[in-house]
């Protein structure tokens, strides 16, 4: 996950990025030291939930990238299997490039989540089918 965030952060103008759970807990963080990861995670998750809920209720389909634009910064969010990927950017960040890289990051993170989920399922199945090797 950190490699995905580092690639995202190489976009000119993106200051940092993180992966968060739907309830705003940081999973992976690559932010500058002066950014509070809990604040960024909470805001990003709230924004992600807001735009995905709106898209669902409006029949707009799945949101690929949401964005909040302030006077001096932009916050990008994309939904992934286990939550959201968030990028914090400067106002002059190249919008098109950032959007494309956000989509690529979300796709890669979804693949990572799918592999981890399969691995966990396989481990659980193995644990259920193998005899207990602990002796009393």
C-alpha atoms as a PDB file:
ATOM      1  CA  UNK A   1       0.000   0.000   0.000  1.00  0.00           C
ATOM      2  CA  UNK A   2       2.835   2.382   0.797  1.00  0.00           C
ATOM      3  CA  UNK A   3       4.257   1.987  -2.704  1.00  0.00           C
ATOM      4  CA  UNK A   4       0.887   3.009  -4.165  1.00  0.00           C
ATOM      5  CA  UNK A   5       0.816   6.100  -1.956  1.00  0.00           C
ATOM      6  CA  UNK A   6       4.394   7.005  -2.842  1.00  0.00           C
ATOM      7  CA  UNK A   7       3.543   6.806  -6.555  1.00  0.00           C
ATOM      8  CA  UNK A   8       0.511   9.020  -5.997  1.00  0.00           C
ATOM      9  CA  UNK A   9       2.644  11.519  -4.086  1.00  0.00           C
ATOM     10  CA  UNK A  10       5.017  11.868  -7.037  1.00  0.00           C
ATOM     11  CA  UNK A  11       2.344  13.813  -8.925  1.00  0.00           C
ATOM     12  CA  UNK A  12       3.381  17.462  -8.979  1.00  0.00           C
ATOM     13  CA  UNK A  13       1.364  19.287  -6.332  1.00  0.00           C
ATOM     14  CA  UNK A  14       0.190  16.292  -4.299  1.00  0.00           C
ATOM     15  CA  UNK A  15       1.449  16.791  -0.761  1.00  0.00           C
ATOM     16  CA  UNK A  16       0.488  13.438   0.727  1.00  0.00           C
ATOM     17  CA  UNK A  17      -1.919  10.538   0.686  1.00  0.00           C
ATOM     18  CA  UNK A  18      -3.421   7.869   2.882  1.00  0.00           C
ATOM     19  CA  UNK A  19      -5.706   4.838   2.936  1.00  0.00           C
ATOM     20  CA  UNK A  20      -8.505   4.908   5.504  1.00  0.00           C
ATOM     21  CA  UNK A  21     -11.310   2.670   6.712  1.00  0.00           C
ATOM     22  CA  UNK A  22     -14.917   3.773   6.126  1.00  0.00           C
ATOM     23  CA  UNK A  23     -15.060   5.038   9.716  1.00  0.00           C
ATOM     24  CA  UNK A  24     -11.900   7.143   9.305  1.00  0.00           C
ATOM     25  CA  UNK A  25      -9.115   5.042  10.802  1.00  0.00           C
ATOM     26  CA  UNK A  26      -5.808   5.347   8.921  1.00  0.00           C
ATOM     27  CA  UNK A  27      -4.549   2.066   7.388  1.00  0.00           C
ATOM     28  CA  UNK A  28      -1.519   3.386   5.467  1.00  0.00           C
ATOM     29  CA  UNK A  29      -0.188   6.950   5.643  1.00  0.00           C
ATOM     30  CA  UNK A  30       2.309   8.926   3.570  1.00  0.00           C
ATOM     31  CA  UNK A  31       1.762  12.524   4.685  1.00  0.00           C
ATOM     32  CA  UNK A  32       4.154  15.364   5.525  1.00  0.00           C
ATOM     33  CA  UNK A  33       5.053  15.606   9.209  1.00  0.00           C
ATOM     34  CA  UNK A  34       2.978  18.775   9.657  1.00  0.00           C
ATOM     35  CA  UNK A  35      -0.261  16.985   8.624  1.00  0.00           C
ATOM     36  CA  UNK A  36      -2.278  15.211  11.302  1.00  0.00           C
ATOM     37  CA  UNK A  37      -3.107  11.754   9.891  1.00  0.00           C
ATOM     38  CA  UNK A  38      -6.179  11.299  12.109  1.00  0.00           C
ATOM     39  CA  UNK A  39      -7.683  14.601  10.941  1.00  0.00           C
ATOM     40  CA  UNK A  40      -6.963  13.818   7.279  1.00  0.00           C
ATOM     41  CA  UNK A  41      -8.373  10.297   7.701  1.00  0.00           C
ATOM     42  CA  UNK A  42     -11.550  11.505   9.392  1.00  0.00           C
ATOM     43  CA  UNK A  43     -12.191  14.249   6.859  1.00  0.00           C
ATOM     44  CA  UNK A  44     -11.407  11.972   3.913  1.00  0.00           C
ATOM     45  CA  UNK A  45     -13.673   9.186   5.158  1.00  0.00           C
ATOM     46  CA  UNK A  46     -16.517  11.634   5.833  1.00  0.00           C
ATOM     47  CA  UNK A  47     -16.127  13.095   2.362  1.00  0.00           C
ATOM     48  CA  UNK A  48     -15.907   9.638   0.787  1.00  0.00           C
ATOM     49  CA  UNK A  49     -19.044   8.476   2.556  1.00  0.00           C
ATOM     50  CA  UNK A  50     -20.873  11.648   1.584  1.00  0.00           C
ATOM     51  CA  UNK A  51     -20.098  11.387  -2.141  1.00  0.00           C
ATOM     52  CA  UNK A  52     -20.677   7.623  -2.362  1.00  0.00           C
ATOM     53  CA  UNK A  53     -23.988   7.917  -0.482  1.00  0.00           C
ATOM     54  CA  UNK A  54     -25.058  10.766  -2.749  1.00  0.00           C
ATOM     55  CA  UNK A  55     -24.111   8.829  -5.884  1.00  0.00           C
ATOM     56  CA  UNK A  56     -26.113   5.839  -4.686  1.00  0.00           C
ATOM     57  CA  UNK A  57     -29.222   7.807  -3.787  1.00  0.00           C
ATOM     58  CA  UNK A  58     -29.058   9.877  -6.994  1.00  0.00           C
ATOM     59  CA  UNK A  59     -28.538   6.815  -9.194  1.00  0.00           C
ATOM     60  CA  UNK A  60     -25.294   8.345 -10.491  1.00  0.00           C
ATOM     61  CA  UNK A  61     -23.289   5.128 -10.327  1.00  0.00           C
ATOM     62  CA  UNK A  62     -19.978   4.539  -8.606  1.00  0.00           C
ATOM     63  CA  UNK A  63     -17.905   7.657  -7.932  1.00  0.00           C
ATOM     64  CA  UNK A  64     -14.378   7.224  -9.284  1.00  0.00           C
ATOM     65  CA  UNK A  65     -12.881  10.406  -7.779  1.00  0.00           C
ATOM     66  CA  UNK A  66     -14.444  13.009  -5.519  1.00  0.00           C
ATOM     67  CA  UNK A  67     -12.818  16.359  -4.844  1.00  0.00           C
ATOM     68  CA  UNK A  68     -13.186  19.253  -2.430  1.00  0.00           C
ATOM     69  CA  UNK A  69     -11.520  22.450  -3.549  1.00  0.00           C
ATOM     70  CA  UNK A  70     -10.608  25.191  -1.097  1.00  0.00           C
ATOM     71  CA  UNK A  71      -8.829  28.479  -1.664  1.00  0.00           C
ATOM     72  CA  UNK A  72      -5.346  26.975  -1.368  1.00  0.00           C
ATOM     73  CA  UNK A  73      -5.781  23.197  -1.561  1.00  0.00           C
ATOM     74  CA  UNK A  74      -7.679  20.231  -2.962  1.00  0.00           C
ATOM     75  CA  UNK A  75      -8.677  16.980  -1.296  1.00  0.00           C
ATOM     76  CA  UNK A  76      -9.248  13.970  -3.564  1.00  0.00           C
ATOM     77  CA  UNK A  77     -11.026  10.774  -2.500  1.00  0.00           C
ATOM     78  CA  UNK A  78     -11.705   7.447  -4.201  1.00  0.00           C
ATOM     79  CA  UNK A  79     -13.614   4.510  -2.752  1.00  0.00           C
ATOM     80  CA  UNK A  80     -11.796   1.193  -2.425  1.00  0.00           C
ATOM     81  CA  UNK A  81     -12.866  -2.202  -1.092  1.00  0.00           C
ATOM     82  CA  UNK A  82     -11.772  -1.529   2.487  1.00  0.00           C
ATOM     83  CA  UNK A  83     -12.489   2.209   2.657  1.00  0.00           C
ATOM     84  CA  UNK A  84     -11.009   5.161   0.782  1.00  0.00           C
ATOM     85  CA  UNK A  85      -7.777   6.422  -0.700  1.00  0.00           C
ATOM     86  CA  UNK A  86      -7.242  10.133   0.008  1.00  0.00           C
ATOM     87  CA  UNK A  87      -4.811  12.623  -1.527  1.00  0.00           C
ATOM     88  CA  UNK A  88      -4.099  16.104  -0.183  1.00  0.00           C
ATOM     89  CA  UNK A  89      -2.933  18.487  -2.906  1.00  0.00           C
ATOM     90  CA  UNK A  90      -1.948  22.066  -3.497  1.00  0.00           C
ATOM     91  CA  UNK A  91      -4.399  24.204  -5.460  1.00  0.00           C
ATOM     92  CA  UNK A  92      -2.164  24.254  -8.555  1.00  0.00           C
ATOM     93  CA  UNK A  93      -1.993  20.439  -8.684  1.00  0.00           C
ATOM     94  CA  UNK A  94      -2.624  19.156 -12.213  1.00  0.00           C
ATOM     95  CA  UNK A  95      -6.265  18.103 -11.957  1.00  0.00           C
ATOM     96  CA  UNK A  96      -6.312  15.643 -14.870  1.00  0.00           C
ATOM     97  CA  UNK A  97      -3.124  13.879 -13.850  1.00  0.00           C
ATOM     98  CA  UNK A  98      -4.255  13.685 -10.222  1.00  0.00           C
ATOM     99  CA  UNK A  99      -7.617  12.212 -11.209  1.00  0.00           C
ATOM    100  CA  UNK A 100      -5.995   9.580 -13.446  1.00  0.00           C
ATOM    101  CA  UNK A 101      -3.503   8.609 -10.753  1.00  0.00           C
ATOM    102  CA  UNK A 102      -6.267   8.450  -8.117  1.00  0.00           C
ATOM    103  CA  UNK A 103      -8.170   5.973 -10.314  1.00  0.00           C
ATOM    104  CA  UNK A 104      -5.023   3.899 -10.845  1.00  0.00           C
ATOM    105  CA  UNK A 105      -4.276   3.939  -7.102  1.00  0.00           C
ATOM    106  CA  UNK A 106      -7.829   2.845  -6.265  1.00  0.00           C
ATOM    107  CA  UNK A 107      -7.647  -0.022  -8.778  1.00  0.00           C
ATOM    108  CA  UNK A 108      -4.280  -1.194  -7.444  1.00  0.00           C
ATOM    109  CA  UNK A 109      -5.462  -0.958  -3.828  1.00  0.00           C
ATOM    110  CA  UNK A 110      -8.597  -2.956  -4.695  1.00  0.00           C
ATOM    111  CA  UNK A 111      -6.358  -5.667  -6.176  1.00  0.00           C
ATOM    112  CA  UNK A 112      -4.270  -5.665  -2.994  1.00  0.00           C
ATOM    113  CA  UNK A 113      -7.418  -5.917  -0.854  1.00  0.00           C
ATOM    114  CA  UNK A 114      -8.705  -8.814  -2.982  1.00  0.00           C
ATOM    115  CA  UNK A 115      -5.398 -10.710  -2.651  1.00  0.00           C
ATOM    116  CA  UNK A 116      -5.326 -10.156   1.114  1.00  0.00           C
ATOM    117  CA  UNK A 117      -8.925 -11.278   1.445  1.00  0.00           C
ATOM    118  CA  UNK A 118      -8.252 -14.455  -0.569  1.00  0.00           C
ATOM    119  CA  UNK A 119      -5.167 -15.155   1.512  1.00  0.00           C
ATOM    120  CA  UNK A 120      -7.123 -14.734   4.754  1.00  0.00           C
ATOM    121  CA  UNK A 121      -9.890 -17.032   3.456  1.00  0.00           C
ATOM    122  CA  UNK A 122      -7.341 -19.686   2.472  1.00  0.00           C
ATOM    123  CA  UNK A 123      -5.715 -19.470   5.896  1.00  0.00           C
ATOM    124  CA  UNK A 124      -9.078 -19.851   7.657  1.00  0.00           C
ATOM    125  CA  UNK A 125      -9.977 -22.848   5.478  1.00  0.00           C
ATOM    126  CA  UNK A 126      -6.609 -24.448   6.179  1.00  0.00           C
ATOM    127  CA  UNK A 127      -7.039 -23.923   9.921  1.00  0.00           C
ATOM    128  CA  UNK A 128     -10.490 -25.564   9.826  1.00  0.00           C
ATOM    129  CA  UNK A 129      -9.416 -28.600   7.819  1.00  0.00           C
ATOM    130  CA  UNK A 130      -6.025 -29.376   9.369  1.00  0.00           C
ATOM    131  CA  UNK A 131      -6.013 -31.458  12.541  1.00  0.00           C
ATOM    132  CA  UNK A 132      -5.083 -29.670  15.714  1.00  0.00           C
ATOM    133  CA  UNK A 133      -1.397 -30.369  16.323  1.00  0.00           C
ATOM    134  CA  UNK A 134      -1.364 -29.089  19.900  1.00  0.00           C
ATOM    135  CA  UNK A 135      -0.961 -31.838  22.456  1.00  0.00           C
ATOM    136  CA  UNK A 136      -2.418 -31.742  25.908  1.00  0.00           C
END
